[in-house]
PDB file of N, CA and C in Angstrom:
ATOM      1  N   MET A   1      68.448 110.363  53.498  1.00  0.00           N
ATOM      2  CA  MET A   1      69.190 111.387  54.269  1.00  0.00           C
ATOM      3  C   MET A   1      69.902 110.447  55.320  1.00  0.00           C
ATOM      4  N   LYS A   2      70.934 110.979  55.535  1.00  0.00           N
ATOM      5  CA  LYS A   2      71.801 110.662  56.414  1.00  0.00           C
ATOM      6  C   LYS A   2      71.948 111.614  57.751  1.00  0.00           C
ATOM      7  N   ASN A   3      72.175 110.611  58.984  1.00  0.00           N
ATOM      8  CA  ASN A   3      72.299 111.653  60.062  1.00  0.00           C
ATOM      9  C   ASN A   3      71.478 113.065  60.426  1.00  0.00           C
ATOM     10  N   SER A   4      70.232 112.743  60.258  1.00  0.00           N
ATOM     11  CA  SER A   4      69.216 113.832  60.071  1.00  0.00           C
ATOM     12  C   SER A   4      68.720 114.038  61.368  1.00  0.00           C
ATOM     13  N   ARG A   5      68.567 115.466  61.823  1.00  0.00           N
ATOM     14  CA  ARG A   5      68.003 115.570  63.385  1.00  0.00           C
ATOM     15  C   ARG A   5      67.361 116.976  63.271  1.00  0.00           C
ATOM     16  N   ILE A   6      66.402 116.914  64.093  1.00  0.00           N
ATOM     17  CA  ILE A   6      65.418 118.371  64.038  1.00  0.00           C
ATOM     18  C   ILE A   6      65.107 118.392  65.533  1.00  0.00           C
ATOM     19  N   ASP A   7      65.361 119.714  66.160  1.00  0.00           N
ATOM     20  CA  ASP A   7      65.129 120.195  67.593  1.00  0.00           C
ATOM     21  C   ASP A   7      64.166 121.244  67.516  1.00  0.00           C
ATOM     22  N   ILE A   8      63.084 121.339  68.064  1.00  0.00           N
ATOM     23  CA  ILE A   8      62.179 122.617  68.002  1.00  0.00           C
ATOM     24  C   ILE A   8      61.982 122.949  69.606  1.00  0.00           C
ATOM     25  N   HIS A   9      62.259 124.086  69.830  1.00  0.00           N
ATOM     26  CA  HIS A   9      62.238 124.870  71.282  1.00  0.00           C
ATOM     27  C   HIS A   9      61.414 126.154  71.069  1.00  0.00           C
ATOM     28  N   GLY A  10      60.495 126.315  71.924  1.00  0.00           N
ATOM     29  CA  GLY A  10      59.671 127.470  71.995  1.00  0.00           C
ATOM     30  C   GLY A  10      59.306 127.829  73.529  1.00  0.00           C
ATOM     31  N   LYS A  11      58.758 128.843  73.962  1.00  0.00           N
ATOM     32  CA  LYS A  11      58.407 129.355  75.008  1.00  0.00           C
ATOM     33  C   LYS A  11      57.153 128.732  75.512  1.00  0.00           C
ATOM     34  N   VAL A  12      57.373 127.947  76.707  1.00  0.00           N
ATOM     35  CA  VAL A  12      55.892 127.364  77.095  1.00  0.00           C
ATOM     36  C   VAL A  12      54.730 128.244  77.175  1.00  0.00           C
ATOM     37  N   ARG A  13      53.779 128.104  77.005  1.00  0.00           N
ATOM     38  CA  ARG A  13      52.939 128.974  77.051  1.00  0.00           C
ATOM     39  C   ARG A  13      51.607 128.550  78.066  1.00  0.00           C
ATOM     40  N   ASP A  14      51.336 129.648  78.910  1.00  0.00           N
ATOM     41  CA  ASP A  14      50.075 129.168  80.019  1.00  0.00           C
ATOM     42  C   ASP A  14      48.711 129.216  79.350  1.00  0.00           C
ATOM     43  N   PHE A  15      48.324 128.294  78.798  1.00  0.00           N
ATOM     44  CA  PHE A  15      46.957 128.052  78.046  1.00  0.00           C
ATOM     45  C   PHE A  15      47.198 128.645  76.575  1.00  0.00           C
ATOM     46  N   THR A  16      47.087 127.469  75.567  1.00  0.00           N
ATOM     47  CA  THR A  16      46.769 128.141  74.310  1.00  0.00           C
ATOM     48  C   THR A  16      45.578 127.826  73.745  1.00  0.00           C
ATOM     49  N   TRP A  17      44.573 127.371  74.676  1.00  0.00           N
ATOM     50  CA  TRP A  17      43.017 127.517  74.415  1.00  0.00           C
ATOM     51  C   TRP A  17      42.569 127.537  75.893  1.00  0.00           C
ATOM     52  N   THR A  18      41.328 128.339  75.910  1.00  0.00           N
ATOM     53  CA  THR A  18      40.453 128.389  77.489  1.00  0.00           C
ATOM     54  C   THR A  18      39.198 128.448  76.733  1.00  0.00           C
ATOM     55  N   LEU A  19      38.401 128.536  77.790  1.00  0.00           N
ATOM     56  CA  LEU A  19      36.631 128.971  77.741  1.00  0.00           C
ATOM     57  C   LEU A  19      36.585 130.042  78.150  1.00  0.00           C
ATOM     58  N   LEU A  20      35.247 130.861  77.435  1.00  0.00           N
ATOM     59  CA  LEU A  20      34.861 132.065  77.839  1.00  0.00           C
ATOM     60  C   LEU A  20      34.180 131.998  79.175  1.00  0.00           C
ATOM     61  N   GLU A  21      34.166 132.917  79.947  1.00  0.00           N
ATOM     62  CA  GLU A  21      33.508 133.109  81.212  1.00  0.00           C
ATOM     63  C   GLU A  21      31.821 133.734  80.966  1.00  0.00           C
ATOM     64  N   ASP A  22      32.121 134.509  80.106  1.00  0.00           N
ATOM     65  CA  ASP A  22      30.678 135.387  79.834  1.00  0.00           C
ATOM     66  C   ASP A  22      30.668 135.055  78.248  1.00  0.00           C
ATOM     67  N   THR A  23      29.137 135.424  77.904  1.00  0.00           N
ATOM     68  CA  THR A  23      29.057 135.452  76.469  1.00  0.00           C
ATOM     69  C   THR A  23      29.366 136.731  75.835  1.00  0.00           C
ATOM     70  N   ILE A  24      29.964 136.769  74.556  1.00  0.00           N
ATOM     71  CA  ILE A  24      30.346 138.026  73.856  1.00  0.00           C
ATOM     72  C   ILE A  24      29.192 138.316  73.237  1.00  0.00           C
ATOM     73  N   ASN A  25      28.635 139.561  73.296  1.00  0.00           N
ATOM     74  CA  ASN A  25      27.604 140.138  72.617  1.00  0.00           C
ATOM     75  C   ASN A  25      28.247 140.739  71.382  1.00  0.00           C
ATOM     76  N   GLU A  26      27.284 140.647  70.198  1.00  0.00           N
ATOM     77  CA  GLU A  26      27.424 141.308  68.882  1.00  0.00           C
ATOM     78  C   GLU A  26      27.973 142.861  69.247  1.00  0.00           C
ATOM     79  N   GLY A  27      29.024 143.267  68.612  1.00  0.00           N
ATOM     80  CA  GLY A  27      29.399 144.628  69.082  1.00  0.00           C
ATOM     81  C   GLY A  27      30.548 144.859  70.136  1.00  0.00           C
ATOM     82  N   SER A  28      30.631 143.777  70.682  1.00  0.00           N
ATOM     83  CA  SER A  28      31.628 144.148  71.995  1.00  0.00           C
ATOM     84  C   SER A  28      33.167 144.146  71.567  1.00  0.00           C
ATOM     85  N   LEU A  29      33.804 144.764  72.397  1.00  0.00           N
ATOM     86  CA  LEU A  29      35.292 144.736  71.921  1.00  0.00           C
ATOM     87  C   LEU A  29      36.210 144.110  73.102  1.00  0.00           C
ATOM     88  N   THR A  30      35.622 143.401  74.249  1.00  0.00           N
ATOM     89  CA  THR A  30      36.128 142.677  75.261  1.00  0.00           C
ATOM     90  C   THR A  30      35.481 141.263  75.309  1.00  0.00           C
ATOM     91  N   LEU A  31      36.177 140.443  75.824  1.00  0.00           N
ATOM     92  CA  LEU A  31      35.981 138.974  76.099  1.00  0.00           C
ATOM     93  C   LEU A  31      36.643 138.753  77.505  1.00  0.00           C
ATOM     94  N   THR A  32      35.940 137.819  78.353  1.00  0.00           N
ATOM     95  CA  THR A  32      36.601 137.406  79.573  1.00  0.00           C
ATOM     96  C   THR A  32      36.716 135.933  79.548  1.00  0.00           C
ATOM     97  N   VAL A  33      37.874 135.473  79.655  1.00  0.00           N
ATOM     98  CA  VAL A  33      38.202 133.993  79.879  1.00  0.00           C
ATOM     99  C   VAL A  33      38.128 133.212  81.117  1.00  0.00           C
ATOM    100  N   MET A  34      37.971 131.955  81.230  1.00  0.00           N
ATOM    101  CA  MET A  34      38.027 131.568  82.673  1.00  0.00           C
ATOM    102  C   MET A  34      39.407 131.346  83.337  1.00  0.00           C
ATOM    103  N   ASP A  35      40.272 131.314  82.339  1.00  0.00           N
ATOM    104  CA  ASP A  35      41.730 131.001  82.916  1.00  0.00           C
ATOM    105  C   ASP A  35      42.753 132.109  82.567  1.00  0.00           C
ATOM    106  N   ALA A  36      43.563 132.445  83.815  1.00  0.00           N
ATOM    107  CA  ALA A  36      44.424 133.456  83.556  1.00  0.00           C
ATOM    108  C   ALA A  36      45.401 133.034  82.367  1.00  0.00           C
ATOM    109  N   VAL A  37      45.726 134.003  81.244  1.00  0.00           N
ATOM    110  CA  VAL A  37      46.356 133.372  80.295  1.00  0.00           C
ATOM    111  C   VAL A  37      47.704 134.576  80.177  1.00  0.00           C
ATOM    112  N   ASP A  38      48.584 133.997  79.550  1.00  0.00           N
ATOM    113  CA  ASP A  38      49.940 134.877  79.252  1.00  0.00           C
ATOM    114  C   ASP A  38      49.953 135.618  78.165  1.00  0.00           C
ATOM    115  N   TRP A  39      48.887 135.686  77.433  1.00  0.00           N
ATOM    116  CA  TRP A  39      48.655 136.102  75.899  1.00  0.00           C
ATOM    117  C   TRP A  39      49.188 137.613  76.079  1.00  0.00           C
ATOM    118  N   GLN A  40      49.631 138.187  75.122  1.00  0.00           N
ATOM    119  CA  GLN A  40      50.157 139.495  74.930  1.00  0.00           C
ATOM    120  C   GLN A  40      49.571 140.311  73.889  1.00  0.00           C
ATOM    121  N   VAL A  41      49.818 141.613  73.949  1.00  0.00           N
ATOM    122  CA  VAL A  41      49.262 142.673  72.975  1.00  0.00           C
ATOM    123  C   VAL A  41      50.046 142.233  71.793  1.00  0.00           C
ATOM    124  N   GLY A  42      49.213 142.074  70.647  1.00  0.00           N
ATOM    125  CA  GLY A  42      49.654 141.995  69.359  1.00  0.00           C
ATOM    126  C   GLY A  42      49.363 140.400  68.592  1.00  0.00           C
ATOM    127  N   GLU A  43      49.210 139.716  69.550  1.00  0.00           N
ATOM    128  CA  GLU A  43      48.924 138.188  69.482  1.00  0.00           C
ATOM    129  C   GLU A  43      47.527 138.099  68.846  1.00  0.00           C
ATOM    130  N   LYS A  44      47.509 137.018  67.962  1.00  0.00           N
ATOM    131  CA  LYS A  44      46.089 136.781  67.592  1.00  0.00           C
ATOM    132  C   LYS A  44      45.242 135.865  68.160  1.00  0.00           C
ATOM    133  N   ILE A  45      44.202 135.821  68.240  1.00  0.00           N
ATOM    134  CA  ILE A  45      43.349 134.676  68.898  1.00  0.00           C
ATOM    135  C   ILE A  45      42.012 134.450  68.031  1.00  0.00           C
ATOM    136  N   VAL A  46      41.552 133.281  68.263  1.00  0.00           N
ATOM    137  CA  VAL A  46      40.506 132.735  67.398  1.00  0.00           C
ATOM    138  C   VAL A  46      39.110 132.439  68.510  1.00  0.00           C
ATOM    139  N   VAL A  47      37.908 132.964  68.261  1.00  0.00           N
ATOM    140  CA  VAL A  47      36.846 132.747  69.174  1.00  0.00           C
ATOM    141  C   VAL A  47      35.872 131.636  68.390  1.00  0.00           C
ATOM    142  N   ALA A  48      35.545 130.728  68.783  1.00  0.00           N
ATOM    143  CA  ALA A  48      34.848 129.656  68.166  1.00  0.00           C
ATOM    144  C   ALA A  48      33.252 130.219  67.859  1.00  0.00           C
ATOM    145  N   SER A  49      32.868 129.705  66.849  1.00  0.00           N
ATOM    146  CA  SER A  49      31.397 129.945  66.524  1.00  0.00           C
ATOM    147  C   SER A  49      30.490 129.072  67.606  1.00  0.00           C
ATOM    148  N   THR A  50      29.525 129.555  68.178  1.00  0.00           N
ATOM    149  CA  THR A  50      28.321 128.885  69.087  1.00  0.00           C
ATOM    150  C   THR A  50      27.071 128.786  68.298  1.00  0.00           C
ATOM    151  N   ASP A  51      27.265 128.949  66.924  1.00  0.00           N
ATOM    152  CA  ASP A  51      26.209 129.031  65.910  1.00  0.00           C
ATOM    153  C   ASP A  51      26.220 127.530  65.162  1.00  0.00           C
ATOM    154  N   TYR A  52      25.253 127.375  64.338  1.00  0.00           N
ATOM    155  CA  TYR A  52      25.325 126.189  63.594  1.00  0.00           C
ATOM    156  C   TYR A  52      26.143 126.463  62.424  1.00  0.00           C
ATOM    157  N   ASP A  53      26.412 127.952  62.084  1.00  0.00           N
ATOM    158  CA  ASP A  53      27.275 128.238  61.085  1.00  0.00           C
ATOM    159  C   ASP A  53      28.626 128.479  61.648  1.00  0.00           C
ATOM    160  N   MET A  54      29.575 127.597  61.276  1.00  0.00           N
ATOM    161  CA  MET A  54      31.084 127.547  61.548  1.00  0.00           C
ATOM    162  C   MET A  54      31.661 128.802  61.064  1.00  0.00           C
ATOM    163  N   ASN A  55      31.114 129.503  60.108  1.00  0.00           N
ATOM    164  CA  ASN A  55      31.858 130.613  59.513  1.00  0.00           C
ATOM    165  C   ASN A  55      31.660 131.851  60.599  1.00  0.00           C
ATOM    166  N   GLN A  56      31.109 131.527  61.801  1.00  0.00           N
ATOM    167  CA  GLN A  56      30.807 132.781  62.655  1.00  0.00           C
ATOM    168  C   GLN A  56      32.182 132.668  63.536  1.00  0.00           C
ATOM    169  N   ALA A  57      32.876 131.959  63.705  1.00  0.00           N
ATOM    170  CA  ALA A  57      34.174 131.875  64.282  1.00  0.00           C
ATOM    171  C   ALA A  57      34.925 133.213  63.829  1.00  0.00           C
ATOM    172  N   GLU A  58      35.490 133.931  64.762  1.00  0.00           N
ATOM    173  CA  GLU A  58      36.205 135.288  64.612  1.00  0.00           C
ATOM    174  C   GLU A  58      37.657 135.220  65.074  1.00  0.00           C
ATOM    175  N   VAL A  59      38.654 135.678  64.014  1.00  0.00           N
ATOM    176  CA  VAL A  59      39.883 135.941  64.482  1.00  0.00           C
ATOM    177  C   VAL A  59      40.027 137.450  64.945  1.00  0.00           C
ATOM    178  N   LYS A  60      40.822 137.658  66.030  1.00  0.00           N
ATOM    179  CA  LYS A  60      40.991 139.035  66.667  1.00  0.00           C
ATOM    180  C   LYS A  60      42.468 139.102  67.107  1.00  0.00           C
ATOM    181  N   THR A  61      43.086 140.481  66.794  1.00  0.00           N
ATOM    182  CA  THR A  61      44.325 140.689  67.473  1.00  0.00           C
ATOM    183  C   THR A  61      43.989 141.322  68.633  1.00  0.00           C
ATOM    184  N   ILE A  62      44.865 141.032  69.776  1.00  0.00           N
ATOM    185  CA  ILE A  62      44.715 141.636  71.166  1.00  0.00           C
ATOM    186  C   ILE A  62      45.437 143.106  71.220  1.00  0.00           C
ATOM    187  N   VAL A  63      44.705 143.647  72.040  1.00  0.00           N
ATOM    188  CA  VAL A  63      45.223 145.224  72.072  1.00  0.00           C
ATOM    189  C   VAL A  63      45.333 145.563  73.368  1.00  0.00           C
ATOM    190  N   SER A  64      44.770 144.694  74.533  1.00  0.00           N
ATOM    191  CA  SER A  64      44.917 145.006  75.588  1.00  0.00           C
ATOM    192  C   SER A  64      44.734 143.808  76.413  1.00  0.00           C
ATOM    193  N   VAL A  65      45.363 143.492  77.611  1.00  0.00           N
ATOM    194  CA  VAL A  65      45.022 142.287  78.573  1.00  0.00           C
ATOM    195  C   VAL A  65      44.871 142.859  79.993  1.00  0.00           C
ATOM    196  N   SER A  66      43.932 142.516  80.900  1.00  0.00           N
ATOM    197  CA  SER A  66      43.779 143.165  82.167  1.00  0.00           C
ATOM    198  C   SER A  66      44.840 142.523  83.192  1.00  0.00           C
ATOM    199  N   GLY A  67      44.851 143.287  84.158  1.00  0.00           N
ATOM    200  CA  GLY A  67      45.903 142.816  85.311  1.00  0.00           C
ATOM    201  C   GLY A  67      45.660 141.423  85.757  1.00  0.00           C
ATOM    202  N   ASP A  68      44.273 140.717  85.846  1.00  0.00           N
ATOM    203  CA  ASP A  68      44.056 139.504  86.254  1.00  0.00           C
ATOM    204  C   ASP A  68      44.511 138.655  85.217  1.00  0.00           C
ATOM    205  N   LYS A  69      44.668 139.348  83.969  1.00  0.00           N
ATOM    206  CA  LYS A  69      44.948 138.151  82.681  1.00  0.00           C
ATOM    207  C   LYS A  69      43.919 137.414  82.332  1.00  0.00           C
ATOM    208  N   LYS A  70      42.481 137.973  82.666  1.00  0.00           N
ATOM    209  CA  LYS A  70      41.257 137.233  82.142  1.00  0.00           C
ATOM    210  C   LYS A  70      40.473 138.116  81.103  1.00  0.00           C
ATOM    211  N   THR A  71      40.622 139.303  81.197  1.00  0.00           N
ATOM    212  CA  THR A  71      39.828 140.017  80.424  1.00  0.00           C
ATOM    213  C   THR A  71      40.636 140.799  79.200  1.00  0.00           C
ATOM    214  N   ILE A  72      40.328 140.529  78.268  1.00  0.00           N
ATOM    215  CA  ILE A  72      40.990 140.784  76.869  1.00  0.00           C
ATOM    216  C   ILE A  72      40.173 141.646  75.976  1.00  0.00           C
ATOM    217  N   THR A  73      40.922 142.713  75.504  1.00  0.00           N
ATOM    218  CA  THR A  73      40.310 143.818  74.555  1.00  0.00           C
ATOM    219  C   THR A  73      40.896 143.578  73.245  1.00  0.00           C
ATOM    220  N   VAL A  74      40.219 143.646  72.265  1.00  0.00           N
ATOM    221  CA  VAL A  74      40.644 143.223  70.770  1.00  0.00           C
ATOM    222  C   VAL A  74      40.360 144.441  69.819  1.00  0.00           C
ATOM    223  N   ASP A  75      40.889 144.119  68.683  1.00  0.00           N
ATOM    224  CA  ASP A  75      41.411 145.387  67.644  1.00  0.00           C
ATOM    225  C   ASP A  75      39.766 145.617  67.006  1.00  0.00           C
ATOM    226  N   SER A  76      38.922 144.901  66.917  1.00  0.00           N
ATOM    227  CA  SER A  76      37.819 145.233  66.253  1.00  0.00           C
ATOM    228  C   SER A  76      36.456 144.498  66.897  1.00  0.00           C
ATOM    229  N   LYS A  77      35.191 145.112  66.789  1.00  0.00           N
ATOM    230  CA  LYS A  77      34.186 144.602  67.314  1.00  0.00           C
ATOM    231  C   LYS A  77      33.602 143.191  66.764  1.00  0.00           C
ATOM    232  N   PHE A  78      33.218 142.449  67.723  1.00  0.00           N
ATOM    233  CA  PHE A  78      32.577 141.202  67.418  1.00  0.00           C
ATOM    234  C   PHE A  78      31.435 141.258  66.546  1.00  0.00           C
ATOM    235  N   LYS A  79      31.273 140.601  65.442  1.00  0.00           N
ATOM    236  CA  LYS A  79      30.185 140.449  64.418  1.00  0.00           C
ATOM    237  C   LYS A  79      29.048 139.509  64.969  1.00  0.00           C
ATOM    238  N   PHE A  80      29.317 138.657  65.692  1.00  0.00           N
ATOM    239  CA  PHE A  80      28.519 137.609  66.164  1.00  0.00           C
ATOM    240  C   PHE A  80      28.304 137.252  67.555  1.00  0.00           C
ATOM    241  N   LEU A  81      27.273 136.931  68.233  1.00  0.00           N
ATOM    242  CA  LEU A  81      27.158 136.510  69.471  1.00  0.00           C
ATOM    243  C   LEU A  81      27.820 135.306  69.598  1.00  0.00           C
ATOM    244  N   HIS A  82      28.631 135.297  70.854  1.00  0.00           N
ATOM    245  CA  HIS A  82      29.285 133.762  71.201  1.00  0.00           C
ATOM    246  C   HIS A  82      28.918 133.350  72.509  1.00  0.00           C
ATOM    247  N   TYR A  83      27.900 132.577  72.630  1.00  0.00           N
ATOM    248  CA  TYR A  83      27.264 132.325  73.881  1.00  0.00           C
ATOM    249  C   TYR A  83      28.473 131.424  74.956  1.00  0.00           C
ATOM    250  N   SER A  84      28.141 131.756  76.225  1.00  0.00           N
ATOM    251  CA  SER A  84      29.147 131.070  76.982  1.00  0.00           C
ATOM    252  C   SER A  84      28.363 131.119  78.409  1.00  0.00           C
ATOM    253  N   SER A  85      27.867 129.942  78.971  1.00  0.00           N
ATOM    254  CA  SER A  85      26.952 129.885  80.113  1.00  0.00           C
ATOM    255  C   SER A  85      26.939 128.309  80.472  1.00  0.00           C
ATOM    256  N   ASP A  86      26.498 127.959  81.768  1.00  0.00           N
ATOM    257  CA  ASP A  86      26.323 126.781  82.134  1.00  0.00           C
ATOM    258  C   ASP A  86      24.427 126.604  81.994  1.00  0.00           C
ATOM    259  N   GLU A  87      24.100 125.602  81.476  1.00  0.00           N
ATOM    260  CA  GLU A  87      22.532 125.292  81.216  1.00  0.00           C
ATOM    261  C   GLU A  87      22.139 124.313  82.339  1.00  0.00           C
ATOM    262  N   THR A  88      21.215 124.342  82.910  1.00  0.00           N
ATOM    263  CA  THR A  88      20.584 123.449  83.776  1.00  0.00           C
ATOM    264  C   THR A  88      19.277 122.730  83.483  1.00  0.00           C
ATOM    265  N   TYR A  89      19.229 121.389  83.358  1.00  0.00           N
ATOM    266  CA  TYR A  89      18.271 120.721  82.839  1.00  0.00           C
ATOM    267  C   TYR A  89      17.805 119.582  83.886  1.00  0.00           C
ATOM    268  N   GLY A  90      16.853 119.923  84.948  1.00  0.00           N
ATOM    269  CA  GLY A  90      16.344 119.098  85.825  1.00  0.00           C
ATOM    270  C   GLY A  90      17.600 119.045  87.059  1.00  0.00           C
ATOM    271  N   ASP A  91      18.307 118.085  87.321  1.00  0.00           N
ATOM    272  CA  ASP A  91      19.296 118.207  88.256  1.00  0.00           C
ATOM    273  C   ASP A  91      20.608 118.176  87.445  1.00  0.00           C
ATOM    274  N   SER A  92      20.667 118.272  86.351  1.00  0.00           N
ATOM    275  CA  SER A  92      22.113 118.095  85.508  1.00  0.00           C
ATOM    276  C   SER A  92      22.561 119.635  85.017  1.00  0.00           C
ATOM    277  N   VAL A  93      23.855 119.791  85.104  1.00  0.00           N
ATOM    278  CA  VAL A  93      24.345 121.235  84.598  1.00  0.00           C
ATOM    279  C   VAL A  93      25.160 120.616  83.497  1.00  0.00           C
ATOM    280  N   PHE A  94      24.990 121.570  82.362  1.00  0.00           N
ATOM    281  CA  PHE A  94      25.934 121.222  81.248  1.00  0.00           C
ATOM    282  C   PHE A  94      26.680 122.481  80.887  1.00  0.00           C
ATOM    283  N   PRO A  95      28.069 122.391  80.784  1.00  0.00           N
ATOM    284  CA  PRO A  95      28.756 123.664  80.458  1.00  0.00           C
ATOM    285  C   PRO A  95      28.592 123.837  78.912  1.00  0.00           C
ATOM    286  N   MET A  96      28.157 124.994  78.462  1.00  0.00           N
ATOM    287  CA  MET A  96      27.866 125.422  77.132  1.00  0.00           C
ATOM    288  C   MET A  96      28.844 126.594  76.837  1.00  0.00           C
ATOM    289  N   ARG A  97      30.078 126.324  76.826  1.00  0.00           N
ATOM    290  CA  ARG A  97      30.952 127.362  76.964  1.00  0.00           C
ATOM    291  C   ARG A  97      31.949 127.487  75.749  1.00  0.00           C
ATOM    292  N   CYS A  98      32.162 128.679  75.168  1.00  0.00           N
ATOM    293  CA  CYS A  98      32.776 128.976  73.703  1.00  0.00           C
ATOM    294  C   CYS A  98      34.206 128.637  74.119  1.00  0.00           C
ATOM    295  N   GLU A  99      34.924 128.291  72.969  1.00  0.00           N
ATOM    296  CA  GLU A  99      36.340 127.864  73.161  1.00  0.00           C
ATOM    297  C   GLU A  99      37.112 129.286  72.466  1.00  0.00           C
ATOM    298  N   VAL A 100      38.081 129.461  72.995  1.00  0.00           N
ATOM    299  CA  VAL A 100      39.032 130.648  72.705  1.00  0.00           C
ATOM    300  C   VAL A 100      40.294 130.162  72.491  1.00  0.00           C
ATOM    301  N   GLY A 101      41.181 130.182  71.509  1.00  0.00           N
ATOM    302  CA  GLY A 101      42.468 129.607  71.317  1.00  0.00           C
ATOM    303  C   GLY A 101      43.360 130.889  70.834  1.00  0.00           C
ATOM    304  N   LEU A 102      44.677 130.686  71.186  1.00  0.00           N
ATOM    305  CA  LEU A 102      45.822 131.541  70.882  1.00  0.00           C
ATOM    306  C   LEU A 102      46.256 130.909  69.564  1.00  0.00           C
ATOM    307  N   LEU A 103      46.285 131.659  68.517  1.00  0.00           N
ATOM    308  CA  LEU A 103      46.782 131.442  67.160  1.00  0.00           C
ATOM    309  C   LEU A 103      48.334 131.750  66.831  1.00  0.00           C
ATOM    310  N   THR A 104      48.707 132.692  67.695  1.00  0.00           N
ATOM    311  CA  THR A 104      50.238 133.058  67.684  1.00  0.00           C
ATOM    312  C   THR A 104      51.169 131.743  68.208  1.00  0.00           C
ATOM    313  N   ARG A 105      51.973 131.746  67.257  1.00  0.00           N
ATOM    314  CA  ARG A 105      53.009 130.722  67.891  1.00  0.00           C
ATOM    315  C   ARG A 105      54.436 131.162  67.917  1.00  0.00           C
ATOM    316  N   ASN A 106      55.366 130.801  68.694  1.00  0.00           N
ATOM    317  CA  ASN A 106      56.543 131.459  68.930  1.00  0.00           C
ATOM    318  C   ASN A 106      57.664 130.644  68.346  1.00  0.00           C
ATOM    319  N   VAL A 107      57.637 129.503  67.531  1.00  0.00           N
ATOM    320  CA  VAL A 107      58.682 128.749  66.937  1.00  0.00           C
ATOM    321  C   VAL A 107      58.786 129.169  65.347  1.00  0.00           C
ATOM    322  N   VAL A 108      60.041 129.364  65.119  1.00  0.00           N
ATOM    323  CA  VAL A 108      60.446 129.629  63.892  1.00  0.00           C
ATOM    324  C   VAL A 108      61.431 128.333  63.365  1.00  0.00           C
ATOM    325  N   ILE A 109      61.097 127.808  62.183  1.00  0.00           N
ATOM    326  CA  ILE A 109      62.083 126.739  61.556  1.00  0.00           C
ATOM    327  C   ILE A 109      62.758 127.328  60.574  1.00  0.00           C
ATOM    328  N   ARG A 110      64.223 127.177  60.677  1.00  0.00           N
ATOM    329  CA  ARG A 110      65.341 127.996  59.385  1.00  0.00           C
ATOM    330  C   ARG A 110      66.164 126.781  59.333  1.00  0.00           C
ATOM    331  N   GLY A 111      66.563 126.319  58.156  1.00  0.00           N
ATOM    332  CA  GLY A 111      67.788 125.580  57.872  1.00  0.00           C
ATOM    333  C   GLY A 111      68.905 126.471  57.878  1.00  0.00           C
ATOM    334  N   SER A 112      70.097 125.728  58.283  1.00  0.00           N
ATOM    335  CA  SER A 112      71.241 126.343  58.506  1.00  0.00           C
ATOM    336  C   SER A 112      72.068 126.604  56.901  1.00  0.00           C
ATOM    337  N   GLU A 113      72.899 127.432  56.985  1.00  0.00           N
ATOM    338  CA  GLU A 113      73.445 127.971  55.719  1.00  0.00           C
ATOM    339  C   GLU A 113      74.094 126.733  55.358  1.00  0.00           C
ATOM    340  N   ASP A 114      74.810 125.910  56.072  1.00  0.00           N
ATOM    341  CA  ASP A 114      75.908 124.772  55.887  1.00  0.00           C
ATOM    342  C   ASP A 114      75.218 123.397  55.609  1.00  0.00           C
ATOM    343  N   SER A 115      73.932 123.439  55.634  1.00  0.00           N
ATOM    344  CA  SER A 115      73.032 122.108  55.322  1.00  0.00           C
ATOM    345  C   SER A 115      73.252 121.715  53.958  1.00  0.00           C
ATOM    346  N   ALA A 116      72.997 120.327  53.754  1.00  0.00           N
ATOM    347  CA  ALA A 116      73.187 119.788  52.561  1.00  0.00           C
ATOM    348  C   ALA A 116      72.155 120.477  51.726  1.00  0.00           C
ATOM    349  N   ALA A 117      72.078 120.683  50.227  1.00  0.00           N
ATOM    350  CA  ALA A 117      71.429 121.398  49.442  1.00  0.00           C
ATOM    351  C   ALA A 117      70.489 120.205  48.544  1.00  0.00           C
ATOM    352  N   ASN A 118      70.073 118.996  49.287  1.00  0.00           N
ATOM    353  CA  ASN A 118      69.643 117.981  48.569  1.00  0.00           C
ATOM    354  C   ASN A 118      68.208 117.768  48.619  1.00  0.00           C
TER     355      ASN A 118
END
C-alpha cells in the first residue's frame, strides 16, 4: 500500500468509565456514579459483575440523567446486585466499588468513494 494515512477523530468524553457511588439492588432502575458524566439518553452502559459469576455484568440503555450528572435511570430493572462500598479492616480502608463503563462510541470509519479498490 502506497501513501496510506488514517485520521480518527471523535468527541472527547468526560469519563468513559467510572465507579458506583452506592450499591445497585436487584430490581432497581437507577444507579449513582462517583463522577459527573456527560453520558446521554439513548447511550449504552455496562455495569460490571461484583459476583464470582462474570455473567452478572449488565448492559443497559440510559433513559435519563440527573442535573448533577451522577444519577442515571436505565431502560430495565437490574437482575443482579452490584456491590459498591468501602470496606474497613482494622485501620485499613479498601474501596470495593463496581465499575460502570460507557459502551456507546462516536467514531465512524468509512472509506472514501475515490479510494483504491485493492
